[in-house]
mmCIF file of all heavy atoms, coordinates in Angstrom:
data_MODEL
# 
_entry.id   MODEL 
# 
loop_
_atom_site.group_PDB 
_atom_site.id 
_atom_site.type_symbol 
_atom_site.label_atom_id 
_atom_site.label_alt_id 
_atom_site.label_comp_id 
_atom_site.label_asym_id 
_atom_site.label_entity_id 
_atom_site.label_seq_id 
_atom_site.pdbx_PDB_ins_code 
_atom_site.Cartn_x 
_atom_site.Cartn_y 
_atom_site.Cartn_z 
_atom_site.occupancy 
_atom_site.B_iso_or_equiv 
_atom_site.pdbx_formal_charge 
_atom_site.auth_seq_id 
_atom_site.auth_comp_id 
_atom_site.auth_asym_id 
_atom_site.auth_atom_id 
_atom_site.pdbx_PDB_model_num 
ATOM 1   N N   . THR A 1 1  ? 19.638  10.200  -17.597 1.00 0.00 ? 1  THR A N   1 
ATOM 2   C CA  . THR A 1 1  ? 18.865  9.867   -16.359 1.00 0.00 ? 1  THR A CA  1 
ATOM 3   C C   . THR A 1 1  ? 17.331  10.044  -16.596 1.00 0.00 ? 1  THR A C   1 
ATOM 4   O O   . THR A 1 1  ? 16.842  11.016  -17.194 1.00 0.00 ? 1  THR A O   1 
ATOM 5   C CB  . THR A 1 1  ? 19.325  10.900  -15.270 1.00 0.00 ? 1  THR A CB  1 
ATOM 6   O OG1 . THR A 1 1  ? 20.632  10.794  -15.105 1.00 0.00 ? 1  THR A OG1 1 
ATOM 7   C CG2 . THR A 1 1  ? 18.527  10.618  -13.919 1.00 0.00 ? 1  THR A CG2 1 
ATOM 8   N N   . ILE A 1 2  ? 16.605  9.049   -16.199 1.00 0.00 ? 2  ILE A N   1 
ATOM 9   C CA  . ILE A 1 2  ? 15.163  9.258   -15.911 1.00 0.00 ? 2  ILE A CA  1 
ATOM 10  C C   . ILE A 1 2  ? 14.866  9.324   -14.428 1.00 0.00 ? 2  ILE A C   1 
ATOM 11  O O   . ILE A 1 2  ? 15.212  8.425   -13.664 1.00 0.00 ? 2  ILE A O   1 
ATOM 12  C CB  . ILE A 1 2  ? 14.367  8.079   -16.518 1.00 0.00 ? 2  ILE A CB  1 
ATOM 13  C CG1 . ILE A 1 2  ? 14.639  7.971   -18.067 1.00 0.00 ? 2  ILE A CG1 1 
ATOM 14  C CG2 . ILE A 1 2  ? 12.914  8.234   -16.315 1.00 0.00 ? 2  ILE A CG2 1 
ATOM 15  C CD1 . ILE A 1 2  ? 14.058  6.759   -18.664 1.00 0.00 ? 2  ILE A CD1 1 
ATOM 16  N N   . LEU A 1 3  ? 14.270  10.438  -14.020 1.00 0.00 ? 3  LEU A N   1 
ATOM 17  C CA  . LEU A 1 3  ? 13.958  10.607  -12.638 1.00 0.00 ? 3  LEU A CA  1 
ATOM 18  C C   . LEU A 1 3  ? 12.344  10.420  -12.441 1.00 0.00 ? 3  LEU A C   1 
ATOM 19  O O   . LEU A 1 3  ? 11.609  11.215  -12.978 1.00 0.00 ? 3  LEU A O   1 
ATOM 20  C CB  . LEU A 1 3  ? 14.463  11.891  -12.097 1.00 0.00 ? 3  LEU A CB  1 
ATOM 21  C CG  . LEU A 1 3  ? 14.427  12.127  -10.573 1.00 0.00 ? 3  LEU A CG  1 
ATOM 22  C CD1 . LEU A 1 3  ? 15.543  13.174  -10.211 1.00 0.00 ? 3  LEU A CD1 1 
ATOM 23  C CD2 . LEU A 1 3  ? 13.070  12.610  -10.071 1.00 0.00 ? 3  LEU A CD2 1 
ATOM 24  N N   . TRP A 1 4  ? 12.032  9.373   -11.697 1.00 0.00 ? 4  TRP A N   1 
ATOM 25  C CA  . TRP A 1 4  ? 10.573  9.139   -11.581 1.00 0.00 ? 4  TRP A CA  1 
ATOM 26  C C   . TRP A 1 4  ? 9.982   9.679   -10.409 1.00 0.00 ? 4  TRP A C   1 
ATOM 27  O O   . TRP A 1 4  ? 10.216  9.344   -9.256  1.00 0.00 ? 4  TRP A O   1 
ATOM 28  C CB  . TRP A 1 4  ? 10.407  7.613   -11.523 1.00 0.00 ? 4  TRP A CB  1 
ATOM 29  C CG  . TRP A 1 4  ? 10.875  6.812   -12.731 1.00 0.00 ? 4  TRP A CG  1 
ATOM 30  C CD1 . TRP A 1 4  ? 12.151  6.277   -12.819 1.00 0.00 ? 4  TRP A CD1 1 
ATOM 31  C CD2 . TRP A 1 4  ? 10.189  6.543   -13.894 1.00 0.00 ? 4  TRP A CD2 1 
ATOM 32  N NE1 . TRP A 1 4  ? 12.237  5.668   -14.175 1.00 0.00 ? 4  TRP A NE1 1 
ATOM 33  C CE2 . TRP A 1 4  ? 11.108  5.793   -14.803 1.00 0.00 ? 4  TRP A CE2 1 
ATOM 34  C CE3 . TRP A 1 4  ? 8.898   6.786   -14.399 1.00 0.00 ? 4  TRP A CE3 1 
ATOM 35  C CZ2 . TRP A 1 4  ? 10.671  5.339   -16.054 1.00 0.00 ? 4  TRP A CZ2 1 
ATOM 36  C CZ3 . TRP A 1 4  ? 8.461   6.343   -15.620 1.00 0.00 ? 4  TRP A CZ3 1 
ATOM 37  C CH2 . TRP A 1 4  ? 9.347   5.604   -16.535 1.00 0.00 ? 4  TRP A CH2 1 
ATOM 38  N N   . ALA A 1 5  ? 9.177   10.684  -10.528 1.00 0.00 ? 5  ALA A N   1 
ATOM 39  C CA  . ALA A 1 5  ? 8.445   11.338  -9.407  1.00 0.00 ? 5  ALA A CA  1 
ATOM 40  C C   . ALA A 1 5  ? 7.163   10.882  -9.564  1.00 0.00 ? 5  ALA A C   1 
ATOM 41  O O   . ALA A 1 5  ? 6.079   11.612  -9.752  1.00 0.00 ? 5  ALA A O   1 
ATOM 42  C CB  . ALA A 1 5  ? 8.453   12.863  -9.560  1.00 0.00 ? 5  ALA A CB  1 
ATOM 43  N N   . THR A 1 6  ? 6.838   9.489   -9.396  1.00 0.00 ? 6  THR A N   1 
ATOM 44  C CA  . THR A 1 6  ? 5.755   8.734   -9.571  1.00 0.00 ? 6  THR A CA  1 
ATOM 45  C C   . THR A 1 6  ? 5.027   8.292   -8.377  1.00 0.00 ? 6  THR A C   1 
ATOM 46  O O   . THR A 1 6  ? 4.211   7.335   -8.463  1.00 0.00 ? 6  THR A O   1 
ATOM 47  C CB  . THR A 1 6  ? 5.974   7.654   -10.604 1.00 0.00 ? 6  THR A CB  1 
ATOM 48  O OG1 . THR A 1 6  ? 7.232   6.959   -10.295 1.00 0.00 ? 6  THR A OG1 1 
ATOM 49  C CG2 . THR A 1 6  ? 6.106   8.303   -12.001 1.00 0.00 ? 6  THR A CG2 1 
ATOM 50  N N   . GLY A 1 7  ? 5.333   8.883   -7.230  1.00 0.00 ? 7  GLY A N   1 
ATOM 51  C CA  . GLY A 1 7  ? 4.534   8.470   -6.013  1.00 0.00 ? 7  GLY A CA  1 
ATOM 52  C C   . GLY A 1 7  ? 4.951   7.257   -5.263  1.00 0.00 ? 7  GLY A C   1 
ATOM 53  O O   . GLY A 1 7  ? 6.135   6.734   -5.542  1.00 0.00 ? 7  GLY A O   1 
ATOM 54  N N   . PHE A 1 8  ? 4.166   6.828   -4.361  1.00 0.00 ? 8  PHE A N   1 
ATOM 55  C CA  . PHE A 1 8  ? 4.533   5.739   -3.468  1.00 0.00 ? 8  PHE A CA  1 
ATOM 56  C C   . PHE A 1 8  ? 3.371   4.686   -3.317  1.00 0.00 ? 8  PHE A C   1 
ATOM 57  O O   . PHE A 1 8  ? 2.314   5.030   -3.647  1.00 0.00 ? 8  PHE A O   1 
ATOM 58  C CB  . PHE A 1 8  ? 4.860   6.334   -2.141  1.00 0.00 ? 8  PHE A CB  1 
ATOM 59  C CG  . PHE A 1 8  ? 5.985   7.299   -2.046  1.00 0.00 ? 8  PHE A CG  1 
ATOM 60  C CD1 . PHE A 1 8  ? 5.799   8.651   -2.463  1.00 0.00 ? 8  PHE A CD1 1 
ATOM 61  C CD2 . PHE A 1 8  ? 7.259   7.002   -1.522  1.00 0.00 ? 8  PHE A CD2 1 
ATOM 62  C CE1 . PHE A 1 8  ? 6.927   9.581   -2.472  1.00 0.00 ? 8  PHE A CE1 1 
ATOM 63  C CE2 . PHE A 1 8  ? 8.332   7.839   -1.472  1.00 0.00 ? 8  PHE A CE2 1 
ATOM 64  C CZ  . PHE A 1 8  ? 8.119   9.096   -2.021  1.00 0.00 ? 8  PHE A CZ  1 
ATOM 65  N N   . ARG A 1 9  ? 3.771   3.641   -2.777  1.00 0.00 ? 9  ARG A N   1 
ATOM 66  C CA  . ARG A 1 9  ? 2.766   2.640   -2.469  1.00 0.00 ? 9  ARG A CA  1 
ATOM 67  C C   . ARG A 1 9  ? 2.882   2.435   -0.921  1.00 0.00 ? 9  ARG A C   1 
ATOM 68  O O   . ARG A 1 9  ? 3.929   2.460   -0.351  1.00 0.00 ? 9  ARG A O   1 
ATOM 69  C CB  . ARG A 1 9  ? 2.892   1.362   -3.170  1.00 0.00 ? 9  ARG A CB  1 
ATOM 70  C CG  . ARG A 1 9  ? 4.126   0.591   -2.833  1.00 0.00 ? 9  ARG A CG  1 
ATOM 71  C CD  . ARG A 1 9  ? 4.110   -0.832  -3.563  1.00 0.00 ? 9  ARG A CD  1 
ATOM 72  N NE  . ARG A 1 9  ? 5.351   -1.509  -3.387  1.00 0.00 ? 9  ARG A NE  1 
ATOM 73  C CZ  . ARG A 1 9  ? 5.666   -2.295  -2.253  1.00 0.00 ? 9  ARG A CZ  1 
ATOM 74  N NH1 . ARG A 1 9  ? 4.774   -2.400  -1.331  1.00 0.00 ? 9  ARG A NH1 1 
ATOM 75  N NH2 . ARG A 1 9  ? 6.816   -2.828  -2.262  1.00 0.00 ? 9  ARG A NH2 1 
ATOM 76  N N   . GLN A 1 10 ? 1.787   2.011   -0.301  1.00 0.00 ? 10 GLN A N   1 
ATOM 77  C CA  . GLN A 1 10 ? 1.688   1.735   1.126   1.00 0.00 ? 10 GLN A CA  1 
ATOM 78  C C   . GLN A 1 10 ? 2.062   0.183   1.372   1.00 0.00 ? 10 GLN A C   1 
ATOM 79  O O   . GLN A 1 10 ? 1.732   -0.599  0.466   1.00 0.00 ? 10 GLN A O   1 
ATOM 80  C CB  . GLN A 1 10 ? 0.440   2.181   1.742   1.00 0.00 ? 10 GLN A CB  1 
ATOM 81  C CG  . GLN A 1 10 ? 0.118   3.582   1.641   1.00 0.00 ? 10 GLN A CG  1 
ATOM 82  C CD  . GLN A 1 10 ? -1.295  3.938   1.956   1.00 0.00 ? 10 GLN A CD  1 
ATOM 83  O OE1 . GLN A 1 10 ? -2.164  3.145   1.787   1.00 0.00 ? 10 GLN A OE1 1 
ATOM 84  N NE2 . GLN A 1 10 ? -1.523  5.193   2.469   1.00 0.00 ? 10 GLN A NE2 1 
ATOM 85  N N   . ASP A 1 11 ? 2.564   -0.061  2.463   1.00 0.00 ? 11 ASP A N   1 
ATOM 86  C CA  . ASP A 1 11 ? 2.841   -1.489  2.711   1.00 0.00 ? 11 ASP A CA  1 
ATOM 87  C C   . ASP A 1 11 ? 2.444   -1.795  4.178   1.00 0.00 ? 11 ASP A C   1 
ATOM 88  O O   . ASP A 1 11 ? 3.175   -1.391  5.186   1.00 0.00 ? 11 ASP A O   1 
ATOM 89  C CB  . ASP A 1 11 ? 4.272   -1.823  2.519   1.00 0.00 ? 11 ASP A CB  1 
ATOM 90  C CG  . ASP A 1 11 ? 4.801   -3.211  2.835   1.00 0.00 ? 11 ASP A CG  1 
ATOM 91  O OD1 . ASP A 1 11 ? 3.771   -4.059  3.083   1.00 0.00 ? 11 ASP A OD1 1 
ATOM 92  O OD2 . ASP A 1 11 ? 5.939   -3.584  2.799   1.00 0.00 ? 11 ASP A OD2 1 
ATOM 93  N N   . PHE A 1 12 ? 1.337   -2.641  4.310   1.00 0.00 ? 12 PHE A N   1 
ATOM 94  C CA  . PHE A 1 12 ? 0.927   -2.907  5.701   1.00 0.00 ? 12 PHE A CA  1 
ATOM 95  C C   . PHE A 1 12 ? 1.036   -4.432  5.838   1.00 0.00 ? 12 PHE A C   1 
ATOM 96  O O   . PHE A 1 12 ? 0.320   -5.134  6.659   1.00 0.00 ? 12 PHE A O   1 
ATOM 97  C CB  . PHE A 1 12 ? -0.484  -2.510  5.911   1.00 0.00 ? 12 PHE A CB  1 
ATOM 98  C CG  . PHE A 1 12 ? -0.647  -0.990  5.923   1.00 0.00 ? 12 PHE A CG  1 
ATOM 99  C CD1 . PHE A 1 12 ? -1.202  -0.394  4.819   1.00 0.00 ? 12 PHE A CD1 1 
ATOM 100 C CD2 . PHE A 1 12 ? -0.269  -0.243  6.985   1.00 0.00 ? 12 PHE A CD2 1 
ATOM 101 C CE1 . PHE A 1 12 ? -1.411  1.045   4.759   1.00 0.00 ? 12 PHE A CE1 1 
ATOM 102 C CE2 . PHE A 1 12 ? -0.483  1.211   6.934   1.00 0.00 ? 12 PHE A CE2 1 
ATOM 103 C CZ  . PHE A 1 12 ? -1.041  1.683   5.848   1.00 0.00 ? 12 PHE A CZ  1 
ATOM 104 N N   . SER A 1 13 ? 1.998   -5.058  5.156   1.00 0.00 ? 13 SER A N   1 
ATOM 105 C CA  . SER A 1 13 ? 2.145   -6.492  5.193   1.00 0.00 ? 13 SER A CA  1 
ATOM 106 C C   . SER A 1 13 ? 2.418   -7.025  6.552   1.00 0.00 ? 13 SER A C   1 
ATOM 107 O O   . SER A 1 13 ? 2.231   -8.200  6.897   1.00 0.00 ? 13 SER A O   1 
ATOM 108 C CB  . SER A 1 13 ? 3.210   -6.922  4.227   1.00 0.00 ? 13 SER A CB  1 
ATOM 109 O OG  . SER A 1 13 ? 4.470   -6.452  4.442   1.00 0.00 ? 13 SER A OG  1 
ATOM 110 N N   . TRP A 1 14 ? 3.068   -6.206  7.420   1.00 0.00 ? 14 TRP A N   1 
ATOM 111 C CA  . TRP A 1 14 ? 3.362   -6.547  8.852   1.00 0.00 ? 14 TRP A CA  1 
ATOM 112 C C   . TRP A 1 14 ? 2.084   -6.677  9.737   1.00 0.00 ? 14 TRP A C   1 
ATOM 113 O O   . TRP A 1 14 ? 2.211   -7.499  10.669  1.00 0.00 ? 14 TRP A O   1 
ATOM 114 C CB  . TRP A 1 14 ? 4.258   -5.588  9.408   1.00 0.00 ? 14 TRP A CB  1 
ATOM 115 C CG  . TRP A 1 14 ? 3.757   -4.208  9.400   1.00 0.00 ? 14 TRP A CG  1 
ATOM 116 C CD1 . TRP A 1 14 ? 3.908   -3.231  8.430   1.00 0.00 ? 14 TRP A CD1 1 
ATOM 117 C CD2 . TRP A 1 14 ? 2.916   -3.518  10.378  1.00 0.00 ? 14 TRP A CD2 1 
ATOM 118 N NE1 . TRP A 1 14 ? 3.213   -2.053  8.770   1.00 0.00 ? 14 TRP A NE1 1 
ATOM 119 C CE2 . TRP A 1 14 ? 2.674   -2.237  9.962   1.00 0.00 ? 14 TRP A CE2 1 
ATOM 120 C CE3 . TRP A 1 14 ? 2.374   -3.994  11.690  1.00 0.00 ? 14 TRP A CE3 1 
ATOM 121 C CZ2 . TRP A 1 14 ? 1.845   -1.353  10.755  1.00 0.00 ? 14 TRP A CZ2 1 
ATOM 122 C CZ3 . TRP A 1 14 ? 1.616   -3.036  12.337  1.00 0.00 ? 14 TRP A CZ3 1 
ATOM 123 C CH2 . TRP A 1 14 ? 1.353   -1.707  11.885  1.00 0.00 ? 14 TRP A CH2 1 
ATOM 124 N N   . LEU A 1 15 ? 0.989   -6.161  9.347   1.00 0.00 ? 15 LEU A N   1 
ATOM 125 C CA  . LEU A 1 15 ? -0.292  -6.152  10.105  1.00 0.00 ? 15 LEU A CA  1 
ATOM 126 C C   . LEU A 1 15 ? -1.255  -7.235  9.649   1.00 0.00 ? 15 LEU A C   1 
ATOM 127 O O   . LEU A 1 15 ? -1.896  -7.032  8.547   1.00 0.00 ? 15 LEU A O   1 
ATOM 128 C CB  . LEU A 1 15 ? -0.852  -4.716  9.991   1.00 0.00 ? 15 LEU A CB  1 
ATOM 129 C CG  . LEU A 1 15 ? -2.168  -4.551  10.721  1.00 0.00 ? 15 LEU A CG  1 
ATOM 130 C CD1 . LEU A 1 15 ? -1.894  -4.947  12.267  1.00 0.00 ? 15 LEU A CD1 1 
ATOM 131 C CD2 . LEU A 1 15 ? -2.611  -3.073  10.705  1.00 0.00 ? 15 LEU A CD2 1 
ATOM 132 N N   . LYS A 1 16 ? -1.297  -8.274  10.306  1.00 0.00 ? 16 LYS A N   1 
ATOM 133 C CA  . LYS A 1 16 ? -2.082  -9.397  10.067  1.00 0.00 ? 16 LYS A CA  1 
ATOM 134 C C   . LYS A 1 16 ? -3.480  -9.164  10.465  1.00 0.00 ? 16 LYS A C   1 
ATOM 135 O O   . LYS A 1 16 ? -3.802  -9.732  11.699  1.00 0.00 ? 16 LYS A O   1 
ATOM 136 C CB  . LYS A 1 16 ? -1.440  -10.733 10.417  1.00 0.00 ? 16 LYS A CB  1 
ATOM 137 C CG  . LYS A 1 16 ? -0.046  -10.852 10.101  1.00 0.00 ? 16 LYS A CG  1 
ATOM 138 C CD  . LYS A 1 16 ? 0.234   -10.772 8.622   1.00 0.00 ? 16 LYS A CD  1 
ATOM 139 C CE  . LYS A 1 16 ? 1.686   -11.031 8.247   1.00 0.00 ? 16 LYS A CE  1 
ATOM 140 N NZ  . LYS A 1 16 ? 1.978   -10.837 6.879   1.00 0.00 ? 16 LYS A NZ  1 
ATOM 141 N N   . ALA A 1 17 ? -4.344  -8.544  9.832   1.00 0.00 ? 17 ALA A N   1 
ATOM 142 C CA  . ALA A 1 17 ? -5.686  -8.278  10.355  1.00 0.00 ? 17 ALA A CA  1 
ATOM 143 C C   . ALA A 1 17 ? -6.590  -8.104  9.137   1.00 0.00 ? 17 ALA A C   1 
ATOM 144 O O   . ALA A 1 17 ? -6.230  -7.631  8.021   1.00 0.00 ? 17 ALA A O   1 
ATOM 145 C CB  . ALA A 1 17 ? -5.671  -6.885  11.245  1.00 0.00 ? 17 ALA A CB  1 
ATOM 146 N N   . ASP A 1 18 ? -7.824  -8.352  9.353   1.00 0.00 ? 18 ASP A N   1 
ATOM 147 C CA  . ASP A 1 18 ? -8.894  -8.169  8.309   1.00 0.00 ? 18 ASP A CA  1 
ATOM 148 C C   . ASP A 1 18 ? -9.333  -6.774  8.195   1.00 0.00 ? 18 ASP A C   1 
ATOM 149 O O   . ASP A 1 18 ? -10.384 -6.212  8.420   1.00 0.00 ? 18 ASP A O   1 
ATOM 150 C CB  . ASP A 1 18 ? -10.095 -9.041  8.662   1.00 0.00 ? 18 ASP A CB  1 
ATOM 151 C CG  . ASP A 1 18 ? -11.250 -9.016  7.521   1.00 0.00 ? 18 ASP A CG  1 
ATOM 152 O OD1 . ASP A 1 18 ? -10.832 -8.789  6.348   1.00 0.00 ? 18 ASP A OD1 1 
ATOM 153 O OD2 . ASP A 1 18 ? -12.299 -9.271  7.800   1.00 0.00 ? 18 ASP A OD2 1 
ATOM 154 N N   . ALA A 1 19 ? -8.381  -5.880  7.765   1.00 0.00 ? 19 ALA A N   1 
ATOM 155 C CA  . ALA A 1 19 ? -8.513  -4.467  7.692   1.00 0.00 ? 19 ALA A CA  1 
ATOM 156 C C   . ALA A 1 19 ? -8.323  -3.966  6.369   1.00 0.00 ? 19 ALA A C   1 
ATOM 157 O O   . ALA A 1 19 ? -8.247  -2.644  6.195   1.00 0.00 ? 19 ALA A O   1 
ATOM 158 C CB  . ALA A 1 19 ? -7.520  -3.809  8.664   1.00 0.00 ? 19 ALA A CB  1 
ATOM 159 N N   . PHE A 1 20 ? -8.238  -4.814  5.335   1.00 0.00 ? 20 PHE A N   1 
ATOM 160 C CA  . PHE A 1 20 ? -7.752  -4.321  4.007   1.00 0.00 ? 20 PHE A CA  1 
ATOM 161 C C   . PHE A 1 20 ? -8.687  -4.916  2.958   1.00 0.00 ? 20 PHE A C   1 
ATOM 162 O O   . PHE A 1 20 ? -9.276  -5.963  3.078   1.00 0.00 ? 20 PHE A O   1 
ATOM 163 C CB  . PHE A 1 20 ? -6.300  -4.647  3.666   1.00 0.00 ? 20 PHE A CB  1 
ATOM 164 C CG  . PHE A 1 20 ? -5.343  -4.324  4.779   1.00 0.00 ? 20 PHE A CG  1 
ATOM 165 C CD1 . PHE A 1 20 ? -5.040  -5.213  5.842   1.00 0.00 ? 20 PHE A CD1 1 
ATOM 166 C CD2 . PHE A 1 20 ? -4.806  -3.040  4.855   1.00 0.00 ? 20 PHE A CD2 1 
ATOM 167 C CE1 . PHE A 1 20 ? -4.211  -4.825  6.856   1.00 0.00 ? 20 PHE A CE1 1 
ATOM 168 C CE2 . PHE A 1 20 ? -4.004  -2.643  5.891   1.00 0.00 ? 20 PHE A CE2 1 
ATOM 169 C CZ  . PHE A 1 20 ? -3.709  -3.477  6.860   1.00 0.00 ? 20 PHE A CZ  1 
ATOM 170 N N   . ASP A 1 21 ? -8.638  -4.264  1.729   1.00 0.00 ? 21 ASP A N   1 
ATOM 171 C CA  . ASP A 1 21 ? -9.393  -4.715  0.691   1.00 0.00 ? 21 ASP A CA  1 
ATOM 172 C C   . ASP A 1 21 ? -8.485  -5.708  -0.200  1.00 0.00 ? 21 ASP A C   1 
ATOM 173 O O   . ASP A 1 21 ? -7.303  -5.974  0.275   1.00 0.00 ? 21 ASP A O   1 
ATOM 174 C CB  . ASP A 1 21 ? -9.986  -3.708  -0.240  1.00 0.00 ? 21 ASP A CB  1 
ATOM 175 C CG  . ASP A 1 21 ? -8.865  -2.798  -1.014  1.00 0.00 ? 21 ASP A CG  1 
ATOM 176 O OD1 . ASP A 1 21 ? -7.728  -3.207  -0.937  1.00 0.00 ? 21 ASP A OD1 1 
ATOM 177 O OD2 . ASP A 1 21 ? -9.213  -1.692  -1.501  1.00 0.00 ? 21 ASP A OD2 1 
ATOM 178 N N   . ASP A 1 22 ? -9.002  -6.198  -1.254  1.00 0.00 ? 22 ASP A N   1 
ATOM 179 C CA  . ASP A 1 22 ? -8.203  -7.161  -1.970  1.00 0.00 ? 22 ASP A CA  1 
ATOM 180 C C   . ASP A 1 22 ? -6.917  -6.612  -2.693  1.00 0.00 ? 22 ASP A C   1 
ATOM 181 O O   . ASP A 1 22 ? -6.095  -7.312  -3.224  1.00 0.00 ? 22 ASP A O   1 
ATOM 182 C CB  . ASP A 1 22 ? -9.050  -7.965  -3.038  1.00 0.00 ? 22 ASP A CB  1 
ATOM 183 C CG  . ASP A 1 22 ? -9.773  -6.975  -3.941  1.00 0.00 ? 22 ASP A CG  1 
ATOM 184 O OD1 . ASP A 1 22 ? -9.495  -5.742  -4.015  1.00 0.00 ? 22 ASP A OD1 1 
ATOM 185 O OD2 . ASP A 1 22 ? -10.470 -7.568  -4.820  1.00 0.00 ? 22 ASP A OD2 1 
ATOM 186 N N   . GLN A 1 23 ? -6.787  -5.207  -2.650  1.00 0.00 ? 23 GLN A N   1 
ATOM 187 C CA  . GLN A 1 23 ? -5.554  -4.616  -3.196  1.00 0.00 ? 23 GLN A CA  1 
ATOM 188 C C   . GLN A 1 23 ? -4.718  -4.214  -2.069  1.00 0.00 ? 23 GLN A C   1 
ATOM 189 O O   . GLN A 1 23 ? -3.695  -3.477  -2.399  1.00 0.00 ? 23 GLN A O   1 
ATOM 190 C CB  . GLN A 1 23 ? -5.992  -3.350  -4.045  1.00 0.00 ? 23 GLN A CB  1 
ATOM 191 C CG  . GLN A 1 23 ? -6.907  -3.643  -5.165  1.00 0.00 ? 23 GLN A CG  1 
ATOM 192 C CD  . GLN A 1 23 ? -6.254  -4.506  -6.193  1.00 0.00 ? 23 GLN A CD  1 
ATOM 193 O OE1 . GLN A 1 23 ? -5.171  -4.313  -6.553  1.00 0.00 ? 23 GLN A OE1 1 
ATOM 194 N NE2 . GLN A 1 23 ? -7.037  -5.514  -6.671  1.00 0.00 ? 23 GLN A NE2 1 
ATOM 195 N N   . GLY A 1 24 ? -4.999  -4.607  -0.855  1.00 0.00 ? 24 GLY A N   1 
ATOM 196 C CA  . GLY A 1 24 ? -4.133  -4.222  0.222   1.00 0.00 ? 24 GLY A CA  1 
ATOM 197 C C   . GLY A 1 24 ? -4.345  -2.798  0.830   1.00 0.00 ? 24 GLY A C   1 
ATOM 198 O O   . GLY A 1 24 ? -3.583  -2.368  1.629   1.00 0.00 ? 24 GLY A O   1 
ATOM 199 N N   . ARG A 1 25 ? -5.460  -2.191  0.394   1.00 0.00 ? 25 ARG A N   1 
ATOM 200 C CA  . ARG A 1 25 ? -5.739  -0.824  0.858   1.00 0.00 ? 25 ARG A CA  1 
ATOM 201 C C   . ARG A 1 25 ? -6.496  -0.937  2.170   1.00 0.00 ? 25 ARG A C   1 
ATOM 202 O O   . ARG A 1 25 ? -7.530  -1.624  2.261   1.00 0.00 ? 25 ARG A O   1 
ATOM 203 C CB  . ARG A 1 25 ? -6.486  -0.020  -0.198  1.00 0.00 ? 25 ARG A CB  1 
ATOM 204 C CG  . ARG A 1 25 ? -5.638  0.181   -1.474  1.00 0.00 ? 25 ARG A CG  1 
ATOM 205 C CD  . ARG A 1 25 ? -6.391  0.792   -2.559  1.00 0.00 ? 25 ARG A CD  1 
ATOM 206 N NE  . ARG A 1 25 ? -7.533  -0.116  -3.007  1.00 0.00 ? 25 ARG A NE  1 
ATOM 207 C CZ  . ARG A 1 25 ? -8.091  -0.111  -4.263  1.00 0.00 ? 25 ARG A CZ  1 
ATOM 208 N NH1 . ARG A 1 25 ? -7.723  0.640   -5.097  1.00 0.00 ? 25 ARG A NH1 1 
ATOM 209 N NH2 . ARG A 1 25 ? -9.036  -0.941  -4.454  1.00 0.00 ? 25 ARG A NH2 1 
ATOM 210 N N   . PRO A 1 26 ? -6.191  0.075   3.073   1.00 0.00 ? 26 PRO A N   1 
ATOM 211 C CA  . PRO A 1 26 ? -6.912  -0.037  4.351   1.00 0.00 ? 26 PRO A CA  1 
ATOM 212 C C   . PRO A 1 26 ? -8.470  0.265   4.219   1.00 0.00 ? 26 PRO A C   1 
ATOM 213 O O   . PRO A 1 26 ? -8.843  1.236   3.436   1.00 0.00 ? 26 PRO A O   1 
ATOM 214 C CB  . PRO A 1 26 ? -6.373  1.232   5.095   1.00 0.00 ? 26 PRO A CB  1 
ATOM 215 C CG  . PRO A 1 26 ? -4.942  1.362   4.591   1.00 0.00 ? 26 PRO A CG  1 
ATOM 216 C CD  . PRO A 1 26 ? -5.074  0.943   3.056   1.00 0.00 ? 26 PRO A CD  1 
ATOM 217 N N   . GLN A 1 27 ? -9.236  -0.397  4.898   1.00 0.00 ? 27 GLN A N   1 
ATOM 218 C CA  . GLN A 1 27 ? -10.756 -0.187  4.879   1.00 0.00 ? 27 GLN A CA  1 
ATOM 219 C C   . GLN A 1 27 ? -10.944 0.507   6.254   1.00 0.00 ? 27 GLN A C   1 
ATOM 220 O O   . GLN A 1 27 ? -10.831 -0.159  7.258   1.00 0.00 ? 27 GLN A O   1 
ATOM 221 C CB  . GLN A 1 27 ? -11.439 -1.437  4.744   1.00 0.00 ? 27 GLN A CB  1 
ATOM 222 C CG  . GLN A 1 27 ? -11.253 -2.147  3.400   1.00 0.00 ? 27 GLN A CG  1 
ATOM 223 C CD  . GLN A 1 27 ? -11.798 -1.346  2.232   1.00 0.00 ? 27 GLN A CD  1 
ATOM 224 O OE1 . GLN A 1 27 ? -13.003 -1.373  2.065   1.00 0.00 ? 27 GLN A OE1 1 
ATOM 225 N NE2 . GLN A 1 27 ? -10.948 -0.722  1.488   1.00 0.00 ? 27 GLN A NE2 1 
ATOM 226 N N   . HIS A 1 28 ? -11.374 1.724   6.211   1.00 0.00 ? 28 HIS A N   1 
ATOM 227 C CA  . HIS A 1 28 ? -11.645 2.455   7.461   1.00 0.00 ? 28 HIS A CA  1 
ATOM 228 C C   . HIS A 1 28 ? -12.694 3.521   7.308   1.00 0.00 ? 28 HIS A C   1 
ATOM 229 O O   . HIS A 1 28 ? -13.055 3.883   6.188   1.00 0.00 ? 28 HIS A O   1 
ATOM 230 C CB  . HIS A 1 28 ? -10.246 3.110   7.870   1.00 0.00 ? 28 HIS A CB  1 
ATOM 231 C CG  . HIS A 1 28 ? -9.851  4.161   6.880   1.00 0.00 ? 28 HIS A CG  1 
ATOM 232 N ND1 . HIS A 1 28 ? -10.045 5.534   7.101   1.00 0.00 ? 28 HIS A ND1 1 
ATOM 233 C CD2 . HIS A 1 28 ? -9.205  4.106   5.658   1.00 0.00 ? 28 HIS A CD2 1 
ATOM 234 C CE1 . HIS A 1 28 ? -9.548  6.215   6.119   1.00 0.00 ? 28 HIS A CE1 1 
ATOM 235 N NE2 . HIS A 1 28 ? -9.022  5.379   5.266   1.00 0.00 ? 28 HIS A NE2 1 
# 
């Protein structure tokens, strides 16, 4: 078994707004 405790990514694909950078990260 390899158990990956390697974090998470965020997903705001449902939100169609000019609120993110080119990597999909919130700009705030």
